[in-house]
Amino acid sequence: MTAFKTLTPSSLDRVAFVEAFADIYEHSPWVAEKAYDLGQLGEVDQIENLHQRMSDILLSADHAAQLALINAHPDLAGKAAIKGELTESSTNEQAGAGIHQCTAEEFERFTTLNDAYKDKFGFPFIMAVKGSNRHQILAAFETRIHNDAEAEFKEALAQINLIALFRLLQL
């Protein structure tokens, strides 16, 4: 089990807990709120335990809440990234994957794939990009765009939970 480096969740009141974990799930503080409201906070002083709790909250949410959370994620190499409108975590994650180093042709490919993906599935392509590079991301994009809607929705949730784990490990 892995302890948090910068905080102890069980020592936080509800406001501080939600503030600390509000953006673990992109623009979705409701996940942190529900995690706190489940009580027994001593269990969540280990990253894996808090991650499991938060993952379960997302996976047990209704479809509308899940879709809203998926849609809260920015496009990879999209307009928000270019305009500097991403959350700090998203900015760091995309930069870590070298997306900011894309050639003009690669940015165009990202734009084309983002548009085609959203047209097909009705939500943005989600990938936990930590440890990947822009070439691997484009390859995943080109593979996953051929999935069916149900499989891709489940994959988006799995990727979001992986992103959450990476973000928790930074704390």
C-alpha atoms as a PDB file:
ATOM      1  CA  MET A   1       0.000   0.000   0.000  1.00  0.00           C
ATOM      2  CA  THR A   2       1.141   3.525  -0.782  1.00  0.00           C
ATOM      3  CA  ALA A   3       0.724   6.436   1.611  1.00  0.00           C
ATOM      4  CA  PHE A   4       0.149   9.968   0.389  1.00  0.00           C
ATOM      5  CA  LYS A   5       3.287  12.125   0.403  1.00  0.00           C
ATOM      6  CA  THR A   6       1.646  15.515   0.916  1.00  0.00           C
ATOM      7  CA  LEU A   7      -1.500  14.917   2.979  1.00  0.00           C
ATOM      8  CA  THR A   8      -3.422  12.528   5.203  1.00  0.00           C
ATOM      9  CA  PRO A   9      -7.002  12.247   3.937  1.00  0.00           C
ATOM     10  CA  SER A  10      -8.442  11.053   7.277  1.00  0.00           C
ATOM     11  CA  SER A  11      -7.253  14.256   8.955  1.00  0.00           C
ATOM     12  CA  LEU A  12      -9.223  16.501   6.583  1.00  0.00           C
ATOM     13  CA  ASP A  13     -12.687  17.887   7.182  1.00  0.00           C
ATOM     14  CA  ARG A  14     -15.193  17.613   4.321  1.00  0.00           C
ATOM     15  CA  VAL A  15     -14.353  21.009   2.782  1.00  0.00           C
ATOM     16  CA  ALA A  16     -10.597  20.353   2.825  1.00  0.00           C
ATOM     17  CA  PHE A  17     -11.043  16.783   1.562  1.00  0.00           C
ATOM     18  CA  VAL A  18     -13.172  17.883  -1.378  1.00  0.00           C
ATOM     19  CA  GLU A  19     -10.767  20.719  -2.144  1.00  0.00           C
ATOM     20  CA  ALA A  20      -7.796  18.327  -2.100  1.00  0.00           C
ATOM     21  CA  PHE A  21      -9.448  15.735  -4.349  1.00  0.00           C
ATOM     22  CA  ALA A  22     -11.956  17.763  -6.405  1.00  0.00           C
ATOM     23  CA  ASP A  23     -10.061  17.506  -9.689  1.00  0.00           C
ATOM     24  CA  ILE A  24      -8.801  13.950  -9.387  1.00  0.00           C
ATOM     25  CA  TYR A  25     -11.793  13.319 -11.632  1.00  0.00           C
ATOM     26  CA  GLU A  26     -11.761  16.160 -14.160  1.00  0.00           C
ATOM     27  CA  HIS A  27     -14.095  18.992 -13.097  1.00  0.00           C
ATOM     28  CA  SER A  28     -16.137  16.469 -11.077  1.00  0.00           C
ATOM     29  CA  PRO A  29     -15.899  17.224  -7.348  1.00  0.00           C
ATOM     30  CA  TRP A  30     -18.976  15.053  -6.746  1.00  0.00           C
ATOM     31  CA  VAL A  31     -16.695  11.986  -6.749  1.00  0.00           C
ATOM     32  CA  ALA A  32     -14.627  13.412  -3.878  1.00  0.00           C
ATOM     33  CA  GLU A  33     -17.801  14.483  -2.042  1.00  0.00           C
ATOM     34  CA  LYS A  34     -19.235  10.974  -2.215  1.00  0.00           C
ATOM     35  CA  ALA A  35     -15.893   9.441  -1.211  1.00  0.00           C
ATOM     36  CA  TYR A  36     -15.858  11.580   1.937  1.00  0.00           C
ATOM     37  CA  ASP A  37     -19.515  10.936   2.692  1.00  0.00           C
ATOM     38  CA  LEU A  38     -18.917   7.172   2.789  1.00  0.00           C
ATOM     39  CA  GLY A  39     -17.043   7.715   6.061  1.00  0.00           C
ATOM     40  CA  GLN A  40     -14.365   5.439   7.530  1.00  0.00           C
ATOM     41  CA  LEU A  41     -11.706   7.820   6.273  1.00  0.00           C
ATOM     42  CA  GLY A  42      -8.877   5.942   7.990  1.00  0.00           C
ATOM     43  CA  GLU A  43      -9.186   3.409   5.174  1.00  0.00           C
ATOM     44  CA  VAL A  44      -8.410   6.028   2.526  1.00  0.00           C
ATOM     45  CA  ASP A  45      -5.049   7.146   3.896  1.00  0.00           C
ATOM     46  CA  GLN A  46      -3.585   4.654   1.430  1.00  0.00           C
ATOM     47  CA  ILE A  47      -3.711   5.719  -2.220  1.00  0.00           C
ATOM     48  CA  GLU A  48      -4.941   2.370  -3.493  1.00  0.00           C
ATOM     49  CA  ASN A  49      -7.866   2.377  -1.048  1.00  0.00           C
ATOM     50  CA  LEU A  50      -8.982   5.904  -1.933  1.00  0.00           C
ATOM     51  CA  HIS A  51      -8.580   5.100  -5.618  1.00  0.00           C
ATOM     52  CA  GLN A  52     -10.738   1.982  -5.266  1.00  0.00           C
ATOM     53  CA  ARG A  53     -13.396   3.945  -3.416  1.00  0.00           C
ATOM     54  CA  MET A  54     -13.437   6.705  -6.027  1.00  0.00           C
ATOM     55  CA  SER A  55     -13.370   4.204  -8.914  1.00  0.00           C
ATOM     56  CA  ASP A  56     -16.340   2.364  -7.436  1.00  0.00           C
ATOM     57  CA  ILE A  57     -18.224   5.663  -7.093  1.00  0.00           C
ATOM     58  CA  LEU A  58     -17.686   6.436 -10.771  1.00  0.00           C
ATOM     59  CA  LEU A  59     -18.580   2.937 -11.934  1.00  0.00           C
ATOM     60  CA  SER A  60     -21.753   2.844  -9.820  1.00  0.00           C
ATOM     61  CA  ALA A  61     -22.940   6.289 -10.949  1.00  0.00           C
ATOM     62  CA  ASP A  62     -25.779   6.501 -13.410  1.00  0.00           C
ATOM     63  CA  HIS A  63     -25.049   6.752 -17.125  1.00  0.00           C
ATOM     64  CA  ALA A  64     -25.795  10.489 -17.262  1.00  0.00           C
ATOM     65  CA  ALA A  65     -23.274  11.276 -14.496  1.00  0.00           C
ATOM     66  CA  GLN A  66     -20.663   9.055 -16.130  1.00  0.00           C
ATOM     67  CA  LEU A  67     -21.211  10.715 -19.507  1.00  0.00           C
ATOM     68  CA  ALA A  68     -20.969  14.178 -17.949  1.00  0.00           C
ATOM     69  CA  LEU A  69     -17.643  13.220 -16.371  1.00  0.00           C
ATOM     70  CA  ILE A  70     -16.345  11.832 -19.668  1.00  0.00           C
ATOM     71  CA  ASN A  71     -17.399  15.043 -21.393  1.00  0.00           C
ATOM     72  CA  ALA A  72     -15.572  17.114 -18.757  1.00  0.00           C
ATOM     73  CA  HIS A  73     -12.301  15.838 -20.241  1.00  0.00           C
ATOM     74  CA  PRO A  74     -10.558  17.910 -22.881  1.00  0.00           C
ATOM     75  CA  ASP A  75      -9.629  16.700 -26.330  1.00  0.00           C
ATOM     76  CA  LEU A  76      -6.048  15.493 -26.577  1.00  0.00           C
ATOM     77  CA  ALA A  77      -4.085  18.173 -28.454  1.00  0.00           C
ATOM     78  CA  GLY A  78      -7.361  20.033 -28.841  1.00  0.00           C
ATOM     79  CA  LYS A  79      -8.348  23.692 -28.852  1.00  0.00           C
ATOM     80  CA  ALA A  80      -8.348  23.945 -25.051  1.00  0.00           C
ATOM     81  CA  ALA A  81      -4.736  22.777 -24.953  1.00  0.00           C
ATOM     82  CA  ILE A  82      -3.704  25.237 -27.634  1.00  0.00           C
ATOM     83  CA  LYS A  83      -5.493  28.089 -25.844  1.00  0.00           C
ATOM     84  CA  GLY A  84      -4.043  27.119 -22.439  1.00  0.00           C
ATOM     85  CA  GLU A  85      -7.483  26.326 -20.965  1.00  0.00           C
ATOM     86  CA  LEU A  86      -6.710  22.890 -19.490  1.00  0.00           C
ATOM     87  CA  THR A  87      -6.566  22.074 -15.805  1.00  0.00           C
ATOM     88  CA  GLU A  88      -3.043  21.976 -14.425  1.00  0.00           C
ATOM     89  CA  SER A  89      -3.179  18.171 -14.277  1.00  0.00           C
ATOM     90  CA  SER A  90      -4.325  17.848 -17.897  1.00  0.00           C
ATOM     91  CA  THR A  91      -1.679  20.313 -19.066  1.00  0.00           C
ATOM     92  CA  ASN A  92       1.065  18.365 -17.304  1.00  0.00           C
ATOM     93  CA  GLU A  93      -0.223  15.009 -18.536  1.00  0.00           C
ATOM     94  CA  GLN A  94      -0.412  16.106 -22.162  1.00  0.00           C
ATOM     95  CA  ALA A  95       2.988  17.815 -21.978  1.00  0.00           C
ATOM     96  CA  GLY A  96       4.493  14.703 -20.390  1.00  0.00           C
ATOM     97  CA  ALA A  97       3.345  12.715 -23.421  1.00  0.00           C
ATOM     98  CA  GLY A  98       5.010  15.229 -25.757  1.00  0.00           C
ATOM     99  CA  ILE A  99       1.753  16.386 -27.297  1.00  0.00           C
ATOM    100  CA  HIS A 100       3.003  19.971 -27.236  1.00  0.00           C
ATOM    101  CA  GLN A 101       5.793  18.839 -29.591  1.00  0.00           C
ATOM    102  CA  CYS A 102       3.442  17.696 -32.346  1.00  0.00           C
ATOM    103  CA  THR A 103       4.196  18.714 -35.886  1.00  0.00           C
ATOM    104  CA  ALA A 104       1.532  20.620 -37.805  1.00  0.00           C
ATOM    105  CA  GLU A 105       0.584  17.337 -39.511  1.00  0.00           C
ATOM    106  CA  GLU A 106       0.266  15.540 -36.164  1.00  0.00           C
ATOM    107  CA  PHE A 107      -1.930  18.317 -34.739  1.00  0.00           C
ATOM    108  CA  GLU A 108      -4.101  18.029 -37.854  1.00  0.00           C
ATOM    109  CA  ARG A 109      -4.311  14.254 -37.348  1.00  0.00           C
ATOM    110  CA  PHE A 110      -5.335  14.753 -33.710  1.00  0.00           C
ATOM    111  CA  THR A 111      -7.994  17.260 -34.799  1.00  0.00           C
ATOM    112  CA  THR A 112      -9.364  14.922 -37.468  1.00  0.00           C
ATOM    113  CA  LEU A 113      -9.436  11.953 -35.090  1.00  0.00           C
ATOM    114  CA  ASN A 114     -10.957  14.010 -32.242  1.00  0.00           C
ATOM    115  CA  ASP A 115     -13.764  15.175 -34.535  1.00  0.00           C
ATOM    116  CA  ALA A 116     -14.417  11.717 -35.995  1.00  0.00           C
ATOM    117  CA  TYR A 117     -14.353  10.102 -32.557  1.00  0.00           C
ATOM    118  CA  LYS A 118     -16.808  12.616 -31.061  1.00  0.00           C
ATOM    119  CA  ASP A 119     -19.072  12.277 -34.105  1.00  0.00           C
ATOM    120  CA  LYS A 120     -19.136   8.503 -33.673  1.00  0.00           C
ATOM    121  CA  PHE A 121     -19.357   8.207 -29.874  1.00  0.00           C
ATOM    122  CA  GLY A 122     -20.718  11.552 -28.654  1.00  0.00           C
ATOM    123  CA  PHE A 123     -17.854  12.130 -26.190  1.00  0.00           C
ATOM    124  CA  PRO A 124     -14.123  12.868 -26.365  1.00  0.00           C
ATOM    125  CA  PHE A 125     -11.400  10.253 -26.710  1.00  0.00           C
ATOM    126  CA  ILE A 126     -10.003   9.511 -23.246  1.00  0.00           C
ATOM    127  CA  MET A 127      -6.600   7.992 -22.679  1.00  0.00           C
ATOM    128  CA  ALA A 128      -4.347   7.979 -19.638  1.00  0.00           C
ATOM    129  CA  VAL A 129      -1.332   9.341 -21.492  1.00  0.00           C
ATOM    130  CA  LYS A 130       1.262   9.042 -18.721  1.00  0.00           C
ATOM    131  CA  GLY A 131       4.085   6.881 -20.022  1.00  0.00           C
ATOM    132  CA  SER A 132       2.921   7.219 -23.636  1.00  0.00           C
ATOM    133  CA  ASN A 133       4.163   9.414 -26.433  1.00  0.00           C
ATOM    134  CA  ARG A 134       2.198  11.199 -29.137  1.00  0.00           C
ATOM    135  CA  HIS A 135       2.820   8.377 -31.628  1.00  0.00           C
ATOM    136  CA  GLN A 136       1.411   5.754 -29.237  1.00  0.00           C
ATOM    137  CA  ILE A 137      -1.574   7.989 -28.509  1.00  0.00           C
ATOM    138  CA  LEU A 138      -2.346   8.429 -32.208  1.00  0.00           C
ATOM    139  CA  ALA A 139      -2.029   4.665 -32.713  1.00  0.00           C
ATOM    140  CA  ALA A 140      -4.473   4.013 -29.841  1.00  0.00           C
ATOM    141  CA  PHE A 141      -6.833   6.594 -31.302  1.00  0.00           C
ATOM    142  CA  GLU A 142      -6.740   4.912 -34.702  1.00  0.00           C
ATOM    143  CA  THR A 143      -7.429   1.499 -33.138  1.00  0.00           C
ATOM    144  CA  ARG A 144     -10.131   2.498 -30.666  1.00  0.00           C
ATOM    145  CA  ILE A 145     -12.179   4.517 -33.149  1.00  0.00           C
ATOM    146  CA  HIS A 146     -13.245   1.151 -34.603  1.00  0.00           C
ATOM    147  CA  ASN A 147     -14.731  -0.076 -31.287  1.00  0.00           C
ATOM    148  CA  ASP A 148     -18.467  -0.181 -30.728  1.00  0.00           C
ATOM    149  CA  ALA A 149     -20.077   2.487 -28.533  1.00  0.00           C
ATOM    150  CA  GLU A 150     -20.573   0.281 -25.460  1.00  0.00           C
ATOM    151  CA  ALA A 151     -16.992  -0.991 -25.480  1.00  0.00           C
ATOM    152  CA  GLU A 152     -15.621   2.509 -25.935  1.00  0.00           C
ATOM    153  CA  PHE A 153     -17.771   3.947 -23.139  1.00  0.00           C
ATOM    154  CA  LYS A 154     -16.409   1.270 -20.780  1.00  0.00           C
ATOM    155  CA  GLU A 155     -12.873   1.950 -22.016  1.00  0.00           C
ATOM    156  CA  ALA A 156     -13.309   5.682 -21.391  1.00  0.00           C
ATOM    157  CA  LEU A 157     -14.337   4.968 -17.779  1.00  0.00           C
ATOM    158  CA  ALA A 158     -11.376   2.608 -17.324  1.00  0.00           C
ATOM    159  CA  GLN A 159      -9.005   5.241 -18.702  1.00  0.00           C
ATOM    160  CA  ILE A 160     -10.514   7.906 -16.414  1.00  0.00           C
ATOM    161  CA  ASN A 161      -9.960   5.656 -13.401  1.00  0.00           C
ATOM    162  CA  LEU A 162      -6.352   5.141 -14.490  1.00  0.00           C
ATOM    163  CA  ILE A 163      -5.892   8.912 -14.864  1.00  0.00           C
ATOM    164  CA  ALA A 164      -7.281   9.286 -11.338  1.00  0.00           C
ATOM    165  CA  LEU A 165      -4.748   6.789  -9.990  1.00  0.00           C
ATOM    166  CA  PHE A 166      -1.879   8.659 -11.657  1.00  0.00           C
ATOM    167  CA  ARG A 167      -3.143  11.919 -10.157  1.00  0.00           C
ATOM    168  CA  LEU A 168      -3.480  10.427  -6.676  1.00  0.00           C
ATOM    169  CA  LEU A 169       0.062   9.086  -6.873  1.00  0.00           C
ATOM    170  CA  GLN A 170       1.274  12.674  -7.330  1.00  0.00           C
ATOM    171  CA  LEU A 171      -0.106  13.658  -3.921  1.00  0.00           C
END
